[in-house]
All heavy atoms as atom14 arrays in JSON, in Angstrom:
{
  "sequence": "RLAQYYASAANVSGLQIVIPMGTYVPVLTSAASARPISIKSVAL",
  "atom14_mask": [
    [1, 1, 1, 1, 1, 1, 1, 1, 1, 1, 1, 0, 0, 0],
    [1, 1, 1, 1, 1, 1, 1, 1, 0, 0, 0, 0, 0, 0],
    [1, 1, 1, 1, 1, 0, 0, 0, 0, 0, 0, 0, 0, 0],
    [1, 1, 1, 1, 1, 1, 1, 1, 1, 0, 0, 0, 0, 0],
    [1, 1, 1, 1, 1, 1, 1, 1, 1, 1, 1, 1, 0, 0],
    [1, 1, 1, 1, 1, 1, 1, 1, 1, 1, 1, 1, 0, 0],
    [1, 1, 1, 1, 1, 0, 0, 0, 0, 0, 0, 0, 0, 0],
    [1, 1, 1, 1, 1, 1, 0, 0, 0, 0, 0, 0, 0, 0],
    [1, 1, 1, 1, 1, 0, 0, 0, 0, 0, 0, 0, 0, 0],
    [1, 1, 1, 1, 1, 0, 0, 0, 0, 0, 0, 0, 0, 0],
    [1, 1, 1, 1, 1, 1, 1, 1, 0, 0, 0, 0, 0, 0],
    [1, 1, 1, 1, 1, 1, 1, 0, 0, 0, 0, 0, 0, 0],
    [1, 1, 1, 1, 1, 1, 0, 0, 0, 0, 0, 0, 0, 0],
    [1, 1, 1, 1, 0, 0, 0, 0, 0, 0, 0, 0, 0, 0],
    [1, 1, 1, 1, 1, 1, 1, 1, 0, 0, 0, 0, 0, 0],
    [1, 1, 1, 1, 1, 1, 1, 1, 1, 0, 0, 0, 0, 0],
    [1, 1, 1, 1, 1, 1, 1, 1, 0, 0, 0, 0, 0, 0],
    [1, 1, 1, 1, 1, 1, 1, 0, 0, 0, 0, 0, 0, 0],
    [1, 1, 1, 1, 1, 1, 1, 1, 0, 0, 0, 0, 0, 0],
    [1, 1, 1, 1, 1, 1, 1, 0, 0, 0, 0, 0, 0, 0],
    [1, 1, 1, 1, 1, 1, 1, 1, 0, 0, 0, 0, 0, 0],
    [1, 1, 1, 1, 0, 0, 0, 0, 0, 0, 0, 0, 0, 0],
    [1, 1, 1, 1, 1, 1, 1, 0, 0, 0, 0, 0, 0, 0],
    [1, 1, 1, 1, 1, 1, 1, 1, 1, 1, 1, 1, 0, 0],
    [1, 1, 1, 1, 1, 1, 1, 0, 0, 0, 0, 0, 0, 0],
    [1, 1, 1, 1, 1, 1, 1, 0, 0, 0, 0, 0, 0, 0],
    [1, 1, 1, 1, 1, 1, 1, 0, 0, 0, 0, 0, 0, 0],
    [1, 1, 1, 1, 1, 1, 1, 1, 0, 0, 0, 0, 0, 0],
    [1, 1, 1, 1, 1, 1, 1, 0, 0, 0, 0, 0, 0, 0],
    [1, 1, 1, 1, 1, 1, 0, 0, 0, 0, 0, 0, 0, 0],
    [1, 1, 1, 1, 1, 0, 0, 0, 0, 0, 0, 0, 0, 0],
    [1, 1, 1, 1, 1, 0, 0, 0, 0, 0, 0, 0, 0, 0],
    [1, 1, 1, 1, 1, 1, 0, 0, 0, 0, 0, 0, 0, 0],
    [1, 1, 1, 1, 1, 0, 0, 0, 0, 0, 0, 0, 0, 0],
    [1, 1, 1, 1, 1, 1, 1, 1, 1, 1, 1, 0, 0, 0],
    [1, 1, 1, 1, 1, 1, 1, 0, 0, 0, 0, 0, 0, 0],
    [1, 1, 1, 1, 1, 1, 1, 1, 0, 0, 0, 0, 0, 0],
    [1, 1, 1, 1, 1, 1, 0, 0, 0, 0, 0, 0, 0, 0],
    [1, 1, 1, 1, 1, 1, 1, 1, 0, 0, 0, 0, 0, 0],
    [1, 1, 1, 1, 1, 1, 1, 1, 1, 0, 0, 0, 0, 0],
    [1, 1, 1, 1, 1, 1, 0, 0, 0, 0, 0, 0, 0, 0],
    [1, 1, 1, 1, 1, 1, 1, 0, 0, 0, 0, 0, 0, 0],
    [1, 1, 1, 1, 1, 0, 0, 0, 0, 0, 0, 0, 0, 0],
    [1, 1, 1, 1, 1, 1, 1, 1, 0, 0, 0, 0, 0, 0]
  ],
  "atom14_positions": [
    [[199.02, 121.08, 38.34], [199.96, 121.5, 37.29], [200.91, 120.36, 36.92], [201.25, 120.19, 35.74], [200.73, 122.74, 37.74], [199.9, 124.01, 37.65], [200.71, 125.24, 37.99], [199.87, 126.42, 37.97], [199.71, 127.23, 36.93], [200.36, 126.96, 35.8], [198.93, 128.28, 36.99], [0.0, 0.0, 0.0], [0.0, 0.0, 0.0], [0.0, 0.0, 0.0]],
    [[201.34, 119.6, 37.91], [202.19, 118.45, 37.6], [201.44, 117.45, 36.73], [202.0, 116.89, 35.78], [202.65, 117.78, 38.9], [203.75, 118.51, 39.68], [203.95, 117.86, 41.04], [205.07, 118.54, 38.9], [0.0, 0.0, 0.0], [0.0, 0.0, 0.0], [0.0, 0.0, 0.0], [0.0, 0.0, 0.0], [0.0, 0.0, 0.0], [0.0, 0.0, 0.0]],
    [[200.16, 117.23, 37.05], [199.36, 116.31, 36.24], [199.23, 116.82, 34.81], [199.35, 116.05, 33.85], [197.97, 116.14, 36.87], [0.0, 0.0, 0.0], [0.0, 0.0, 0.0], [0.0, 0.0, 0.0], [0.0, 0.0, 0.0], [0.0, 0.0, 0.0], [0.0, 0.0, 0.0], [0.0, 0.0, 0.0], [0.0, 0.0, 0.0], [0.0, 0.0, 0.0]],
    [[199.03, 118.13, 34.65], [198.94, 118.71, 33.31], [200.26, 118.55, 32.56], [200.28, 118.25, 31.36], [198.59, 120.19, 33.42], [197.17, 120.46, 33.9], [196.93, 121.95, 34.09], [197.39, 122.77, 33.29], [196.23, 122.32, 35.13], [0.0, 0.0, 0.0], [0.0, 0.0, 0.0], [0.0, 0.0, 0.0], [0.0, 0.0, 0.0], [0.0, 0.0, 0.0]],
    [[201.37, 118.77, 33.26], [202.68, 118.67, 32.63], [202.92, 117.27, 32.07], [203.31, 117.1, 30.91], [203.77, 119.03, 33.63], [205.17, 118.8, 33.11], [205.78, 119.7, 32.25], [205.88, 117.65, 33.47], [207.05, 119.49, 31.75], [207.16, 117.42, 32.98], [207.74, 118.34, 32.13], [209.0, 118.12, 31.64], [0.0, 0.0, 0.0], [0.0, 0.0, 0.0]],
    [[202.66, 116.26, 32.88], [202.91, 114.89, 32.43], [201.89, 114.43, 31.4], [202.21, 113.62, 30.53], [202.97, 113.94, 33.63], [204.15, 114.22, 34.52], [203.99, 114.6, 35.84], [205.45, 114.16, 34.01], [205.08, 114.9, 36.64], [206.54, 114.46, 34.81], [206.35, 114.83, 36.12], [207.44, 115.14, 36.9], [0.0, 0.0, 0.0], [0.0, 0.0, 0.0]],
    [[200.69, 114.98, 31.46], [199.68, 114.65, 30.45], [200.01, 115.27, 29.1], [199.56, 114.79, 28.06], [198.3, 115.11, 30.9], [0.0, 0.0, 0.0], [0.0, 0.0, 0.0], [0.0, 0.0, 0.0], [0.0, 0.0, 0.0], [0.0, 0.0, 0.0], [0.0, 0.0, 0.0], [0.0, 0.0, 0.0], [0.0, 0.0, 0.0], [0.0, 0.0, 0.0]],
    [[200.83, 116.33, 29.11], [201.16, 117.03, 27.87], [202.29, 116.37, 27.09], [202.68, 116.86, 26.05], [201.55, 118.48, 28.18], [202.81, 118.53, 28.84], [0.0, 0.0, 0.0], [0.0, 0.0, 0.0], [0.0, 0.0, 0.0], [0.0, 0.0, 0.0], [0.0, 0.0, 0.0], [0.0, 0.0, 0.0], [0.0, 0.0, 0.0], [0.0, 0.0, 0.0]],
    [[202.83, 115.28, 27.62], [203.92, 114.55, 26.96], [205.19, 115.4, 26.84], [206.0, 115.21, 25.95], [203.5, 114.04, 25.59], [0.0, 0.0, 0.0], [0.0, 0.0, 0.0], [0.0, 0.0, 0.0], [0.0, 0.0, 0.0], [0.0, 0.0, 0.0], [0.0, 0.0, 0.0], [0.0, 0.0, 0.0], [0.0, 0.0, 0.0], [0.0, 0.0, 0.0]],
    [[205.35, 116.36, 27.76], [206.54, 117.21, 27.73], [207.7, 116.62, 28.52], [208.78, 117.18, 28.55], [206.19, 118.6, 28.3], [0.0, 0.0, 0.0], [0.0, 0.0, 0.0], [0.0, 0.0, 0.0], [0.0, 0.0, 0.0], [0.0, 0.0, 0.0], [0.0, 0.0, 0.0], [0.0, 0.0, 0.0], [0.0, 0.0, 0.0], [0.0, 0.0, 0.0]],
    [[207.48, 115.48, 29.17], [208.49, 114.89, 30.03], [209.54, 114.15, 29.21], [209.32, 113.04, 28.76], [207.83, 113.93, 31.03], [208.81, 113.41, 32.06], [209.89, 113.93, 32.23], [208.42, 112.35, 32.75], [0.0, 0.0, 0.0], [0.0, 0.0, 0.0], [0.0, 0.0, 0.0], [0.0, 0.0, 0.0], [0.0, 0.0, 0.0], [0.0, 0.0, 0.0]],
    [[210.71, 114.77, 29.01], [211.75, 114.16, 28.18], [212.7, 113.28, 28.99], [213.46, 112.51, 28.43], [212.56, 115.26, 27.46], [211.68, 116.04, 26.52], [213.25, 116.19, 28.47], [0.0, 0.0, 0.0], [0.0, 0.0, 0.0], [0.0, 0.0, 0.0], [0.0, 0.0, 0.0], [0.0, 0.0, 0.0], [0.0, 0.0, 0.0], [0.0, 0.0, 0.0]],
    [[212.65, 113.39, 30.32], [213.6, 112.65, 31.16], [213.08, 111.28, 31.57], [213.85, 110.43, 32.0], [213.92, 113.46, 32.42], [212.77, 113.52, 33.26], [0.0, 0.0, 0.0], [0.0, 0.0, 0.0], [0.0, 0.0, 0.0], [0.0, 0.0, 0.0], [0.0, 0.0, 0.0], [0.0, 0.0, 0.0], [0.0, 0.0, 0.0], [0.0, 0.0, 0.0]],
    [[211.78, 111.06, 31.46], [211.2, 109.81, 31.92], [210.93, 109.81, 33.41], [210.42, 108.84, 33.97], [0.0, 0.0, 0.0], [0.0, 0.0, 0.0], [0.0, 0.0, 0.0], [0.0, 0.0, 0.0], [0.0, 0.0, 0.0], [0.0, 0.0, 0.0], [0.0, 0.0, 0.0], [0.0, 0.0, 0.0], [0.0, 0.0, 0.0], [0.0, 0.0, 0.0]],
    [[211.27, 110.91, 34.1], [211.05, 111.04, 35.54], [209.68, 111.63, 35.8], [209.24, 112.54, 35.11], [212.12, 111.95, 36.15], [211.95, 112.31, 37.63], [212.3, 111.11, 38.49], [212.83, 113.5, 37.98], [0.0, 0.0, 0.0], [0.0, 0.0, 0.0], [0.0, 0.0, 0.0], [0.0, 0.0, 0.0], [0.0, 0.0, 0.0], [0.0, 0.0, 0.0]],
    [[209.0, 111.1, 36.82], [207.74, 111.69, 37.25], [207.84, 112.09, 38.7], [208.34, 111.32, 39.53], [206.58, 110.7, 37.06], [206.18, 110.52, 35.61], [204.85, 109.8, 35.46], [204.26, 109.37, 36.44], [204.39, 109.67, 34.24], [0.0, 0.0, 0.0], [0.0, 0.0, 0.0], [0.0, 0.0, 0.0], [0.0, 0.0, 0.0], [0.0, 0.0, 0.0]],
    [[207.38, 113.3, 38.98], [207.32, 113.81, 40.36], [205.88, 113.71, 40.82], [204.99, 114.3, 40.2], [207.8, 115.27, 40.44], [209.22, 115.41, 39.89], [207.73, 115.78, 41.87], [209.65, 116.85, 39.68], [0.0, 0.0, 0.0], [0.0, 0.0, 0.0], [0.0, 0.0, 0.0], [0.0, 0.0, 0.0], [0.0, 0.0, 0.0], [0.0, 0.0, 0.0]],
    [[205.65, 112.99, 41.88], [204.31, 112.81, 42.42], [204.31, 113.26, 43.87], [205.25, 112.96, 44.62], [203.87, 111.33, 42.33], [202.56, 111.1, 43.07], [203.73, 110.9, 40.88], [0.0, 0.0, 0.0], [0.0, 0.0, 0.0], [0.0, 0.0, 0.0], [0.0, 0.0, 0.0], [0.0, 0.0, 0.0], [0.0, 0.0, 0.0], [0.0, 0.0, 0.0]],
    [[203.28, 114.01, 44.28], [203.12, 114.41, 45.68], [201.84, 113.75, 46.17], [200.74, 114.27, 45.93], [203.06, 115.94, 45.84], [204.28, 116.58, 45.17], [203.01, 116.31, 47.32], [204.22, 118.09, 45.13], [0.0, 0.0, 0.0], [0.0, 0.0, 0.0], [0.0, 0.0, 0.0], [0.0, 0.0, 0.0], [0.0, 0.0, 0.0], [0.0, 0.0, 0.0]],
    [[201.94, 112.59, 46.81], [200.74, 111.85, 47.2], [199.85, 112.65, 48.14], [200.34, 113.49, 48.91], [201.29, 110.6, 47.89], [202.68, 110.47, 47.36], [203.16, 111.87, 47.15], [0.0, 0.0, 0.0], [0.0, 0.0, 0.0], [0.0, 0.0, 0.0], [0.0, 0.0, 0.0], [0.0, 0.0, 0.0], [0.0, 0.0, 0.0], [0.0, 0.0, 0.0]],
    [[198.55, 112.39, 48.09], [197.62, 113.01, 49.0], [198.0, 112.64, 50.44], [198.4, 111.51, 50.72], [196.19, 112.55, 48.72], [195.72, 112.85, 47.32], [195.58, 114.62, 47.0], [195.01, 114.57, 45.29], [0.0, 0.0, 0.0], [0.0, 0.0, 0.0], [0.0, 0.0, 0.0], [0.0, 0.0, 0.0], [0.0, 0.0, 0.0], [0.0, 0.0, 0.0]],
    [[197.86, 113.59, 51.34], [198.15, 113.33, 52.75], [199.59, 113.57, 53.15], [199.95, 113.38, 54.3], [0.0, 0.0, 0.0], [0.0, 0.0, 0.0], [0.0, 0.0, 0.0], [0.0, 0.0, 0.0], [0.0, 0.0, 0.0], [0.0, 0.0, 0.0], [0.0, 0.0, 0.0], [0.0, 0.0, 0.0], [0.0, 0.0, 0.0], [0.0, 0.0, 0.0]],
    [[200.42, 113.97, 52.19], [201.82, 114.27, 52.5], [202.29, 115.4, 51.61], [201.67, 115.71, 50.6], [202.71, 113.03, 52.28], [204.06, 113.36, 52.64], [202.68, 112.58, 50.83], [0.0, 0.0, 0.0], [0.0, 0.0, 0.0], [0.0, 0.0, 0.0], [0.0, 0.0, 0.0], [0.0, 0.0, 0.0], [0.0, 0.0, 0.0], [0.0, 0.0, 0.0]],
    [[203.41, 116.02, 52.01], [204.01, 117.07, 51.2], [205.36, 116.64, 50.65], [206.06, 117.43, 50.03], [204.17, 118.35, 52.03], [202.85, 118.93, 52.5], [202.5, 118.92, 53.85], [201.96, 119.46, 51.6], [201.29, 119.43, 54.28], [200.74, 119.99, 52.01], [200.41, 119.96, 53.36], [199.2, 120.46, 53.77], [0.0, 0.0, 0.0], [0.0, 0.0, 0.0]],
    [[205.74, 115.4, 50.88], [207.02, 114.89, 50.44], [206.89, 114.3, 49.03], [206.11, 113.37, 48.81], [207.55, 113.81, 51.4], [208.88, 113.27, 50.92], [207.67, 114.37, 52.81], [0.0, 0.0, 0.0], [0.0, 0.0, 0.0], [0.0, 0.0, 0.0], [0.0, 0.0, 0.0], [0.0, 0.0, 0.0], [0.0, 0.0, 0.0], [0.0, 0.0, 0.0]],
    [[207.64, 114.8, 48.06], [207.55, 114.28, 46.69], [208.06, 112.85, 46.6], [208.95, 112.43, 47.36], [208.46, 115.23, 45.88], [208.69, 116.41, 46.76], [208.6, 115.92, 48.16], [0.0, 0.0, 0.0], [0.0, 0.0, 0.0], [0.0, 0.0, 0.0], [0.0, 0.0, 0.0], [0.0, 0.0, 0.0], [0.0, 0.0, 0.0], [0.0, 0.0, 0.0]],
    [[207.49, 112.11, 45.67], [207.93, 110.77, 45.35], [208.37, 110.78, 43.89], [207.68, 111.31, 43.02], [206.8, 109.74, 45.56], [207.23, 108.36, 45.09], [206.38, 109.71, 47.02], [0.0, 0.0, 0.0], [0.0, 0.0, 0.0], [0.0, 0.0, 0.0], [0.0, 0.0, 0.0], [0.0, 0.0, 0.0], [0.0, 0.0, 0.0], [0.0, 0.0, 0.0]],
    [[209.53, 110.18, 43.61], [210.06, 110.15, 42.26], [209.85, 108.76, 41.67], [210.21, 107.75, 42.27], [211.55, 110.48, 42.27], [211.93, 111.83, 42.9], [213.44, 111.99, 42.9], [211.26, 112.96, 42.17], [0.0, 0.0, 0.0], [0.0, 0.0, 0.0], [0.0, 0.0, 0.0], [0.0, 0.0, 0.0], [0.0, 0.0, 0.0], [0.0, 0.0, 0.0]],
    [[209.24, 108.72, 40.49], [209.03, 107.46, 39.79], [209.45, 107.65, 38.34], [209.59, 108.78, 37.86], [207.56, 107.01, 39.83], [206.76, 107.97, 39.1], [207.04, 106.92, 41.25], [0.0, 0.0, 0.0], [0.0, 0.0, 0.0], [0.0, 0.0, 0.0], [0.0, 0.0, 0.0], [0.0, 0.0, 0.0], [0.0, 0.0, 0.0], [0.0, 0.0, 0.0]],
    [[209.64, 106.57, 37.64], [209.93, 106.64, 36.22], [208.64, 106.46, 35.45], [207.71, 105.79, 35.93], [210.94, 105.57, 35.8], [210.37, 104.28, 35.94], [0.0, 0.0, 0.0], [0.0, 0.0, 0.0], [0.0, 0.0, 0.0], [0.0, 0.0, 0.0], [0.0, 0.0, 0.0], [0.0, 0.0, 0.0], [0.0, 0.0, 0.0], [0.0, 0.0, 0.0]],
    [[208.56, 107.05, 34.28], [207.36, 106.91, 33.46], [207.09, 105.45, 33.14], [205.96, 105.01, 33.04], [207.51, 107.71, 32.17], [0.0, 0.0, 0.0], [0.0, 0.0, 0.0], [0.0, 0.0, 0.0], [0.0, 0.0, 0.0], [0.0, 0.0, 0.0], [0.0, 0.0, 0.0], [0.0, 0.0, 0.0], [0.0, 0.0, 0.0], [0.0, 0.0, 0.0]],
    [[208.16, 104.66, 33.01], [208.0, 103.25, 32.66], [207.38, 102.45, 33.79], [206.69, 101.47, 33.56], [209.35, 102.65, 32.29], [0.0, 0.0, 0.0], [0.0, 0.0, 0.0], [0.0, 0.0, 0.0], [0.0, 0.0, 0.0], [0.0, 0.0, 0.0], [0.0, 0.0, 0.0], [0.0, 0.0, 0.0], [0.0, 0.0, 0.0], [0.0, 0.0, 0.0]],
    [[207.63, 102.89, 35.05], [207.11, 102.14, 36.18], [205.73, 102.59, 36.6], [205.09, 101.97, 37.43], [208.05, 102.28, 37.38], [208.08, 103.63, 37.84], [0.0, 0.0, 0.0], [0.0, 0.0, 0.0], [0.0, 0.0, 0.0], [0.0, 0.0, 0.0], [0.0, 0.0, 0.0], [0.0, 0.0, 0.0], [0.0, 0.0, 0.0], [0.0, 0.0, 0.0]],
    [[205.25, 103.7, 36.03], [203.91, 104.17, 36.34], [202.88, 103.25, 35.71], [203.19, 102.48, 34.8], [203.73, 105.61, 35.84], [0.0, 0.0, 0.0], [0.0, 0.0, 0.0], [0.0, 0.0, 0.0], [0.0, 0.0, 0.0], [0.0, 0.0, 0.0], [0.0, 0.0, 0.0], [0.0, 0.0, 0.0], [0.0, 0.0, 0.0], [0.0, 0.0, 0.0]],
    [[201.64, 103.35, 36.19], [200.59, 102.48, 35.69], [199.46, 103.31, 35.11], [198.34, 103.29, 35.59], [200.06, 101.59, 36.82], [201.13, 100.74, 37.43], [200.6, 99.92, 38.6], [200.17, 100.76, 39.69], [198.91, 100.97, 39.98], [197.95, 100.48, 39.26], [198.58, 101.73, 41.01], [0.0, 0.0, 0.0], [0.0, 0.0, 0.0], [0.0, 0.0, 0.0]],
    [[199.75, 104.1, 34.07], [198.72, 104.99, 33.55], [197.61, 104.25, 32.83], [197.8, 103.17, 32.29], [199.49, 105.89, 32.58], [200.62, 105.04, 32.12], [201.0, 104.19, 33.3], [0.0, 0.0, 0.0], [0.0, 0.0, 0.0], [0.0, 0.0, 0.0], [0.0, 0.0, 0.0], [0.0, 0.0, 0.0], [0.0, 0.0, 0.0], [0.0, 0.0, 0.0]],
    [[196.43, 104.86, 32.82], [195.28, 104.35, 32.09], [194.92, 105.4, 31.05], [194.73, 106.57, 31.38], [194.08, 104.11, 33.02], [194.44, 103.05, 34.09], [192.86, 103.68, 32.25], [193.39, 102.91, 35.14], [0.0, 0.0, 0.0], [0.0, 0.0, 0.0], [0.0, 0.0, 0.0], [0.0, 0.0, 0.0], [0.0, 0.0, 0.0], [0.0, 0.0, 0.0]],
    [[194.8, 105.01, 29.79], [194.47, 105.97, 28.75], [193.01, 106.4, 28.85], [192.12, 105.57, 28.99], [194.73, 105.35, 27.38], [194.27, 106.21, 26.36], [0.0, 0.0, 0.0], [0.0, 0.0, 0.0], [0.0, 0.0, 0.0], [0.0, 0.0, 0.0], [0.0, 0.0, 0.0], [0.0, 0.0, 0.0], [0.0, 0.0, 0.0], [0.0, 0.0, 0.0]],
    [[192.77, 107.7, 28.76], [191.4, 108.19, 28.84], [190.56, 107.7, 27.68], [189.34, 107.58, 27.78], [191.39, 109.75, 28.9], [189.98, 110.28, 29.23], [191.87, 110.33, 27.59], [189.46, 109.83, 30.55], [0.0, 0.0, 0.0], [0.0, 0.0, 0.0], [0.0, 0.0, 0.0], [0.0, 0.0, 0.0], [0.0, 0.0, 0.0], [0.0, 0.0, 0.0]],
    [[191.21, 107.35, 26.57], [190.43, 106.91, 25.41], [189.76, 105.56, 25.64], [188.91, 105.15, 24.85], [191.31, 106.87, 24.16], [192.44, 105.87, 24.2], [193.31, 106.01, 22.95], [194.47, 105.04, 22.96], [195.33, 105.2, 21.79], [0.0, 0.0, 0.0], [0.0, 0.0, 0.0], [0.0, 0.0, 0.0], [0.0, 0.0, 0.0], [0.0, 0.0, 0.0]],
    [[190.15, 104.86, 26.72], [189.53, 103.57, 27.01], [188.55, 103.67, 28.18], [188.15, 102.66, 28.74], [190.61, 102.53, 27.33], [191.32, 102.91, 28.51], [0.0, 0.0, 0.0], [0.0, 0.0, 0.0], [0.0, 0.0, 0.0], [0.0, 0.0, 0.0], [0.0, 0.0, 0.0], [0.0, 0.0, 0.0], [0.0, 0.0, 0.0], [0.0, 0.0, 0.0]],
    [[188.18, 104.91, 28.56], [187.31, 105.13, 29.71], [185.98, 105.72, 29.26], [185.94, 106.64, 28.44], [187.97, 106.07, 30.73], [187.03, 106.39, 31.88], [189.26, 105.46, 31.26], [0.0, 0.0, 0.0], [0.0, 0.0, 0.0], [0.0, 0.0, 0.0], [0.0, 0.0, 0.0], [0.0, 0.0, 0.0], [0.0, 0.0, 0.0], [0.0, 0.0, 0.0]],
    [[184.89, 105.18, 29.8], [183.55, 105.68, 29.48], [182.87, 106.18, 30.75], [182.94, 105.53, 31.8], [182.71, 104.58, 28.83], [0.0, 0.0, 0.0], [0.0, 0.0, 0.0], [0.0, 0.0, 0.0], [0.0, 0.0, 0.0], [0.0, 0.0, 0.0], [0.0, 0.0, 0.0], [0.0, 0.0, 0.0], [0.0, 0.0, 0.0], [0.0, 0.0, 0.0]],
    [[182.23, 107.34, 30.66], [181.49, 107.9, 31.78], [180.06, 107.38, 31.73], [179.34, 107.6, 30.76], [181.5, 109.43, 31.71], [180.68, 110.18, 32.77], [181.24, 109.91, 34.16], [180.65, 111.68, 32.47], [0.0, 0.0, 0.0], [0.0, 0.0, 0.0], [0.0, 0.0, 0.0], [0.0, 0.0, 0.0], [0.0, 0.0, 0.0], [0.0, 0.0, 0.0]]
  ]
}
């Protein structure tokens, strides 16, 4: 659900909440510091 939320461009604060695999402790990052890859540049 967090992935869906951030993919929907609804994040107005620039904050991203990430819960890495293997832990239950959230990590806070900024959208600017994330390293997203656009799906439009990916081929299966």
